[in-house]
Amino acid sequence: MTISKAELPDKSLLRTDGKIYDYIDSYQGNFIDQNGNIDSTKIGKSFFASGPKWIDKLFAFRNKLVGLFGLKTSGKITDRQKMLDNFKCEKGEHLGLFKVFDKTDDEVVLGEDDKHLNFRVSLFIDKQNENKTDKNLIISTTVKFNNWFGRLYFLPVRPFHKLIVPTMLKGIIKNIEKQN
């Protein structure tokens, strides 16, 4: 499976909201939608279900560290599967640190606003191919710094982010193709 750098899709909700960001990146991977039933809800749920254990450990470490500075954390997740089973991926809903900000059939926008920075993660299904089962999934991240601490916070996060996002994208694609 090939994951490559991409551009923020023109039709993404993140591009059409008119905001200016301090940081943007996008990665894409191809998946096969055999039955034509993969939508943003399935992609959103898969985002939370397919991360490797080392990413969970990084987030646990992050939560302990940033909690000391009064930043938002995801809290303790006691029964991840129960949370996923109840998660509908609807606008306004939360799962861990992530809130669903917006959603269409082809895209879900997750993220959080905090005192140091605001971030969004777009999970965008690109159906622009001639082959109806062959689709691209593009994960885009945007960050808007609210103050100097946001910039400082993001310095050590950025290199990890560039490892985590492609890994997450591979996991999501494997997960949705396994379900299909």
C-alpha atoms as a PDB file:
ATOM      1  CA  MET A   1       0.000   0.000   0.000  1.00  0.00           C
ATOM      2  CA  THR A   2       1.405   3.353  -1.045  1.00  0.00           C
ATOM      3  CA  ILE A   3       0.850   6.449   1.063  1.00  0.00           C
ATOM      4  CA  SER A   4       1.939   9.727  -0.471  1.00  0.00           C
ATOM      5  CA  LYS A   5       1.918  13.435   0.270  1.00  0.00           C
ATOM      6  CA  ALA A   6      -1.087  15.240  -1.154  1.00  0.00           C
ATOM      7  CA  GLU A   7      -2.757  18.618  -1.305  1.00  0.00           C
ATOM      8  CA  LEU A   8      -5.759  19.714   0.714  1.00  0.00           C
ATOM      9  CA  PRO A   9      -8.655  18.742  -1.605  1.00  0.00           C
ATOM     10  CA  ASP A  10     -10.395  21.666  -3.320  1.00  0.00           C
ATOM     11  CA  LYS A  11     -13.783  20.377  -2.167  1.00  0.00           C
ATOM     12  CA  SER A  12     -12.711  19.808   1.440  1.00  0.00           C
ATOM     13  CA  LEU A  13     -14.731  21.566   4.104  1.00  0.00           C
ATOM     14  CA  LEU A  14     -11.400  22.843   5.457  1.00  0.00           C
ATOM     15  CA  ARG A  15     -10.696  24.676   2.213  1.00  0.00           C
ATOM     16  CA  THR A  16     -14.187  26.068   1.801  1.00  0.00           C
ATOM     17  CA  ASP A  17     -14.442  27.465   5.334  1.00  0.00           C
ATOM     18  CA  GLY A  18     -12.284  30.476   4.377  1.00  0.00           C
ATOM     19  CA  LYS A  19      -9.930  30.171   7.348  1.00  0.00           C
ATOM     20  CA  ILE A  20      -6.200  30.758   7.139  1.00  0.00           C
ATOM     21  CA  TYR A  21      -4.039  28.142   8.863  1.00  0.00           C
ATOM     22  CA  ASP A  22      -0.530  28.213  10.290  1.00  0.00           C
ATOM     23  CA  TYR A  23       0.116  24.584   9.336  1.00  0.00           C
ATOM     24  CA  ILE A  24      -1.418  22.269   6.731  1.00  0.00           C
ATOM     25  CA  ASP A  25      -0.479  18.813   5.531  1.00  0.00           C
ATOM     26  CA  SER A  26      -2.233  16.061   3.606  1.00  0.00           C
ATOM     27  CA  TYR A  27      -1.556  12.394   2.871  1.00  0.00           C
ATOM     28  CA  GLN A  28      -3.439  10.063   0.570  1.00  0.00           C
ATOM     29  CA  GLY A  29      -3.848   6.372   0.000  1.00  0.00           C
ATOM     30  CA  ASN A  30      -5.956   4.281  -2.342  1.00  0.00           C
ATOM     31  CA  PHE A  31      -8.630   1.801  -1.264  1.00  0.00           C
ATOM     32  CA  ILE A  32     -11.125  -0.481  -2.954  1.00  0.00           C
ATOM     33  CA  ASP A  33     -14.798   0.009  -2.101  1.00  0.00           C
ATOM     34  CA  GLN A  34     -16.170  -3.278  -3.476  1.00  0.00           C
ATOM     35  CA  ASN A  35     -19.791  -2.638  -2.498  1.00  0.00           C
ATOM     36  CA  GLY A  36     -19.855   1.154  -2.832  1.00  0.00           C
ATOM     37  CA  ASN A  37     -20.871   1.563   0.800  1.00  0.00           C
ATOM     38  CA  ILE A  38     -17.838   3.236   2.376  1.00  0.00           C
ATOM     39  CA  ASP A  39     -18.898   6.675   3.595  1.00  0.00           C
ATOM     40  CA  SER A  40     -17.528   9.270   5.996  1.00  0.00           C
ATOM     41  CA  THR A  41     -19.145   7.581   9.014  1.00  0.00           C
ATOM     42  CA  LYS A  42     -17.306   4.315   8.337  1.00  0.00           C
ATOM     43  CA  ILE A  43     -14.075   6.219   7.704  1.00  0.00           C
ATOM     44  CA  GLY A  44     -14.526   8.238  10.920  1.00  0.00           C
ATOM     45  CA  LYS A  45     -15.159   5.152  13.032  1.00  0.00           C
ATOM     46  CA  SER A  46     -12.206   3.424  11.418  1.00  0.00           C
ATOM     47  CA  PHE A  47      -9.989   6.407  12.306  1.00  0.00           C
ATOM     48  CA  PHE A  48     -10.549   5.598  15.974  1.00  0.00           C
ATOM     49  CA  ALA A  49     -10.465   1.807  15.605  1.00  0.00           C
ATOM     50  CA  SER A  50      -7.322   1.265  13.557  1.00  0.00           C
ATOM     51  CA  GLY A  51      -4.452   3.027  15.309  1.00  0.00           C
ATOM     52  CA  PRO A  52      -1.467   0.941  16.429  1.00  0.00           C
ATOM     53  CA  LYS A  53      -0.709   0.544  20.148  1.00  0.00           C
ATOM     54  CA  TRP A  54       2.378   2.766  20.006  1.00  0.00           C
ATOM     55  CA  ILE A  55       0.194   5.715  18.988  1.00  0.00           C
ATOM     56  CA  ASP A  56      -2.076   5.063  21.988  1.00  0.00           C
ATOM     57  CA  LYS A  57       1.012   5.130  24.224  1.00  0.00           C
ATOM     58  CA  LEU A  58       2.181   8.418  22.688  1.00  0.00           C
ATOM     59  CA  PHE A  59      -1.259   9.963  23.308  1.00  0.00           C
ATOM     60  CA  ALA A  60      -1.255   8.700  26.919  1.00  0.00           C
ATOM     61  CA  PHE A  61       2.162  10.318  27.442  1.00  0.00           C
ATOM     62  CA  ARG A  62       0.943  13.520  25.762  1.00  0.00           C
ATOM     63  CA  ASN A  63      -2.129  13.644  27.999  1.00  0.00           C
ATOM     64  CA  LYS A  64      -0.049  13.325  31.167  1.00  0.00           C
ATOM     65  CA  LEU A  65       2.367  16.009  30.040  1.00  0.00           C
ATOM     66  CA  VAL A  66      -0.068  18.612  28.712  1.00  0.00           C
ATOM     67  CA  GLY A  67      -2.464  18.103  31.622  1.00  0.00           C
ATOM     68  CA  LEU A  68       0.187  19.787  33.767  1.00  0.00           C
ATOM     69  CA  PHE A  69      -0.240  22.913  31.628  1.00  0.00           C
ATOM     70  CA  GLY A  70      -4.025  22.906  31.789  1.00  0.00           C
ATOM     71  CA  LEU A  71      -4.528  21.823  28.186  1.00  0.00           C
ATOM     72  CA  LYS A  72      -7.347  19.533  27.090  1.00  0.00           C
ATOM     73  CA  THR A  73      -6.799  15.785  27.249  1.00  0.00           C
ATOM     74  CA  SER A  74      -8.810  12.831  26.049  1.00  0.00           C
ATOM     75  CA  GLY A  75      -9.340  11.530  29.573  1.00  0.00           C
ATOM     76  CA  LYS A  76      -9.131   7.868  30.459  1.00  0.00           C
ATOM     77  CA  ILE A  77     -10.575   5.508  27.918  1.00  0.00           C
ATOM     78  CA  THR A  78     -11.772   2.509  29.882  1.00  0.00           C
ATOM     79  CA  ASP A  79     -13.743   0.575  27.266  1.00  0.00           C
ATOM     80  CA  ARG A  80     -12.634   1.643  23.805  1.00  0.00           C
ATOM     81  CA  GLN A  81     -14.826  -0.889  21.974  1.00  0.00           C
ATOM     82  CA  LYS A  82     -17.958   0.223  23.846  1.00  0.00           C
ATOM     83  CA  MET A  83     -17.158   3.851  23.000  1.00  0.00           C
ATOM     84  CA  LEU A  84     -16.676   2.934  19.319  1.00  0.00           C
ATOM     85  CA  ASP A  85     -19.901   0.927  19.245  1.00  0.00           C
ATOM     86  CA  ASN A  86     -21.820   3.957  20.560  1.00  0.00           C
ATOM     87  CA  PHE A  87     -20.017   6.497  18.350  1.00  0.00           C
ATOM     88  CA  LYS A  88     -22.228   7.638  15.444  1.00  0.00           C
ATOM     89  CA  CYS A  89     -19.733  10.144  13.978  1.00  0.00           C
ATOM     90  CA  GLU A  90     -22.334  12.916  14.062  1.00  0.00           C
ATOM     91  CA  LYS A  91     -21.654  16.646  14.203  1.00  0.00           C
ATOM     92  CA  GLY A  92     -21.036  17.776  17.792  1.00  0.00           C
ATOM     93  CA  GLU A  93     -20.192  14.284  19.067  1.00  0.00           C
ATOM     94  CA  HIS A  94     -16.917  13.654  20.954  1.00  0.00           C
ATOM     95  CA  LEU A  95     -14.653  10.628  21.133  1.00  0.00           C
ATOM     96  CA  GLY A  96     -11.597  11.126  23.279  1.00  0.00           C
ATOM     97  CA  LEU A  97      -9.883  14.398  22.402  1.00  0.00           C
ATOM     98  CA  PHE A  98     -11.683  14.675  19.068  1.00  0.00           C
ATOM     99  CA  LYS A  99     -14.949  16.458  18.367  1.00  0.00           C
ATOM    100  CA  VAL A 100     -16.859  16.014  15.102  1.00  0.00           C
ATOM    101  CA  PHE A 101     -16.997  19.555  13.690  1.00  0.00           C
ATOM    102  CA  ASP A 102     -18.619  18.827  10.350  1.00  0.00           C
ATOM    103  CA  LYS A 103     -19.632  15.972   8.117  1.00  0.00           C
ATOM    104  CA  THR A 104     -20.817  15.205   4.590  1.00  0.00           C
ATOM    105  CA  ASP A 105     -21.176  11.843   2.831  1.00  0.00           C
ATOM    106  CA  ASP A 106     -17.564  12.131   1.627  1.00  0.00           C
ATOM    107  CA  GLU A 107     -15.844  13.909   4.515  1.00  0.00           C
ATOM    108  CA  VAL A 108     -15.733  14.115   8.274  1.00  0.00           C
ATOM    109  CA  VAL A 109     -13.867  16.912  10.055  1.00  0.00           C
ATOM    110  CA  LEU A 110     -12.596  16.127  13.548  1.00  0.00           C
ATOM    111  CA  GLY A 111     -10.548  18.267  15.896  1.00  0.00           C
ATOM    112  CA  GLU A 112     -10.473  20.414  18.977  1.00  0.00           C
ATOM    113  CA  ASP A 113     -10.121  24.028  20.018  1.00  0.00           C
ATOM    114  CA  ASP A 114      -7.876  24.750  22.965  1.00  0.00           C
ATOM    115  CA  LYS A 115      -6.279  27.845  24.428  1.00  0.00           C
ATOM    116  CA  HIS A 116      -2.915  27.243  22.696  1.00  0.00           C
ATOM    117  CA  LEU A 117      -4.079  26.034  19.257  1.00  0.00           C
ATOM    118  CA  ASN A 118      -7.014  24.766  17.227  1.00  0.00           C
ATOM    119  CA  PHE A 119      -6.605  21.741  14.998  1.00  0.00           C
ATOM    120  CA  ARG A 120      -8.745  19.939  12.451  1.00  0.00           C
ATOM    121  CA  VAL A 121      -8.370  16.546  10.808  1.00  0.00           C
ATOM    122  CA  SER A 122     -10.260  15.986   7.571  1.00  0.00           C
ATOM    123  CA  LEU A 123     -10.953  12.439   6.393  1.00  0.00           C
ATOM    124  CA  PHE A 124     -11.930  12.993   2.752  1.00  0.00           C
ATOM    125  CA  ILE A 125     -13.066  10.304   0.309  1.00  0.00           C
ATOM    126  CA  ASP A 126     -12.066  11.309  -3.225  1.00  0.00           C
ATOM    127  CA  LYS A 127     -14.401   9.614  -5.705  1.00  0.00           C
ATOM    128  CA  GLN A 128     -12.982  11.330  -8.792  1.00  0.00           C
ATOM    129  CA  ASN A 129     -11.836   8.097 -10.409  1.00  0.00           C
ATOM    130  CA  GLU A 130     -13.511   6.504 -13.434  1.00  0.00           C
ATOM    131  CA  ASN A 131     -13.540   3.155 -11.640  1.00  0.00           C
ATOM    132  CA  LYS A 132     -16.380   3.406  -9.083  1.00  0.00           C
ATOM    133  CA  THR A 133     -14.710   1.018  -6.604  1.00  0.00           C
ATOM    134  CA  ASP A 134     -11.257   2.643  -6.705  1.00  0.00           C
ATOM    135  CA  LYS A 135     -11.110   5.612  -4.305  1.00  0.00           C
ATOM    136  CA  ASN A 136      -8.585   7.767  -2.507  1.00  0.00           C
ATOM    137  CA  LEU A 137      -8.696   8.615   1.159  1.00  0.00           C
ATOM    138  CA  ILE A 138      -7.019  11.899   1.975  1.00  0.00           C
ATOM    139  CA  ILE A 139      -6.201  12.856   5.561  1.00  0.00           C
ATOM    140  CA  SER A 140      -5.519  16.555   5.968  1.00  0.00           C
ATOM    141  CA  THR A 141      -4.494  18.320   9.146  1.00  0.00           C
ATOM    142  CA  THR A 142      -4.755  22.036   9.779  1.00  0.00           C
ATOM    143  CA  VAL A 143      -3.467  23.922  12.795  1.00  0.00           C
ATOM    144  CA  LYS A 144      -4.139  27.491  13.859  1.00  0.00           C
ATOM    145  CA  PHE A 145      -1.917  28.798  16.655  1.00  0.00           C
ATOM    146  CA  ASN A 146      -3.690  30.930  19.245  1.00  0.00           C
ATOM    147  CA  ASN A 147      -0.559  32.160  21.008  1.00  0.00           C
ATOM    148  CA  TRP A 148       3.194  31.637  21.367  1.00  0.00           C
ATOM    149  CA  PHE A 149       2.619  28.527  23.496  1.00  0.00           C
ATOM    150  CA  GLY A 150       0.788  26.902  20.588  1.00  0.00           C
ATOM    151  CA  ARG A 151       3.821  27.427  18.374  1.00  0.00           C
ATOM    152  CA  LEU A 152       6.130  26.085  21.079  1.00  0.00           C
ATOM    153  CA  TYR A 153       3.868  23.086  21.721  1.00  0.00           C
ATOM    154  CA  PHE A 154       3.768  22.156  18.030  1.00  0.00           C
ATOM    155  CA  LEU A 155       7.568  22.128  17.581  1.00  0.00           C
ATOM    156  CA  PRO A 156       8.087  18.657  19.130  1.00  0.00           C
ATOM    157  CA  VAL A 157       4.669  17.422  17.939  1.00  0.00           C
ATOM    158  CA  ARG A 158       5.328  18.107  14.255  1.00  0.00           C
ATOM    159  CA  PRO A 159       7.891  15.307  13.610  1.00  0.00           C
ATOM    160  CA  PHE A 160       5.669  12.772  15.411  1.00  0.00           C
ATOM    161  CA  HIS A 161       2.680  14.004  13.446  1.00  0.00           C
ATOM    162  CA  LYS A 162       4.503  13.247  10.185  1.00  0.00           C
ATOM    163  CA  LEU A 163       4.987   9.642  11.374  1.00  0.00           C
ATOM    164  CA  ILE A 164       1.561   9.155  12.917  1.00  0.00           C
ATOM    165  CA  VAL A 165      -0.674  10.367  10.072  1.00  0.00           C
ATOM    166  CA  PRO A 166       0.656   8.044   7.325  1.00  0.00           C
ATOM    167  CA  THR A 167       0.560   5.140   9.805  1.00  0.00           C
ATOM    168  CA  MET A 168      -3.032   5.977  10.722  1.00  0.00           C
ATOM    169  CA  LEU A 169      -3.981   6.242   7.047  1.00  0.00           C
ATOM    170  CA  LYS A 170      -2.594   2.748   6.348  1.00  0.00           C
ATOM    171  CA  GLY A 171      -4.514   1.401   9.342  1.00  0.00           C
ATOM    172  CA  ILE A 172      -7.780   3.020   8.259  1.00  0.00           C
ATOM    173  CA  ILE A 173      -7.472   1.633   4.736  1.00  0.00           C
ATOM    174  CA  LYS A 174      -6.691  -1.888   6.012  1.00  0.00           C
ATOM    175  CA  ASN A 175      -9.628  -1.668   8.403  1.00  0.00           C
ATOM    176  CA  ILE A 176     -12.193  -0.526   5.837  1.00  0.00           C
ATOM    177  CA  GLU A 177     -11.049  -3.017   3.203  1.00  0.00           C
ATOM    178  CA  LYS A 178     -11.301  -5.812   5.788  1.00  0.00           C
ATOM    179  CA  GLN A 179     -14.903  -4.746   6.567  1.00  0.00           C
ATOM    180  CA  ASN A 180     -15.820  -4.535   2.882  1.00  0.00           C
END
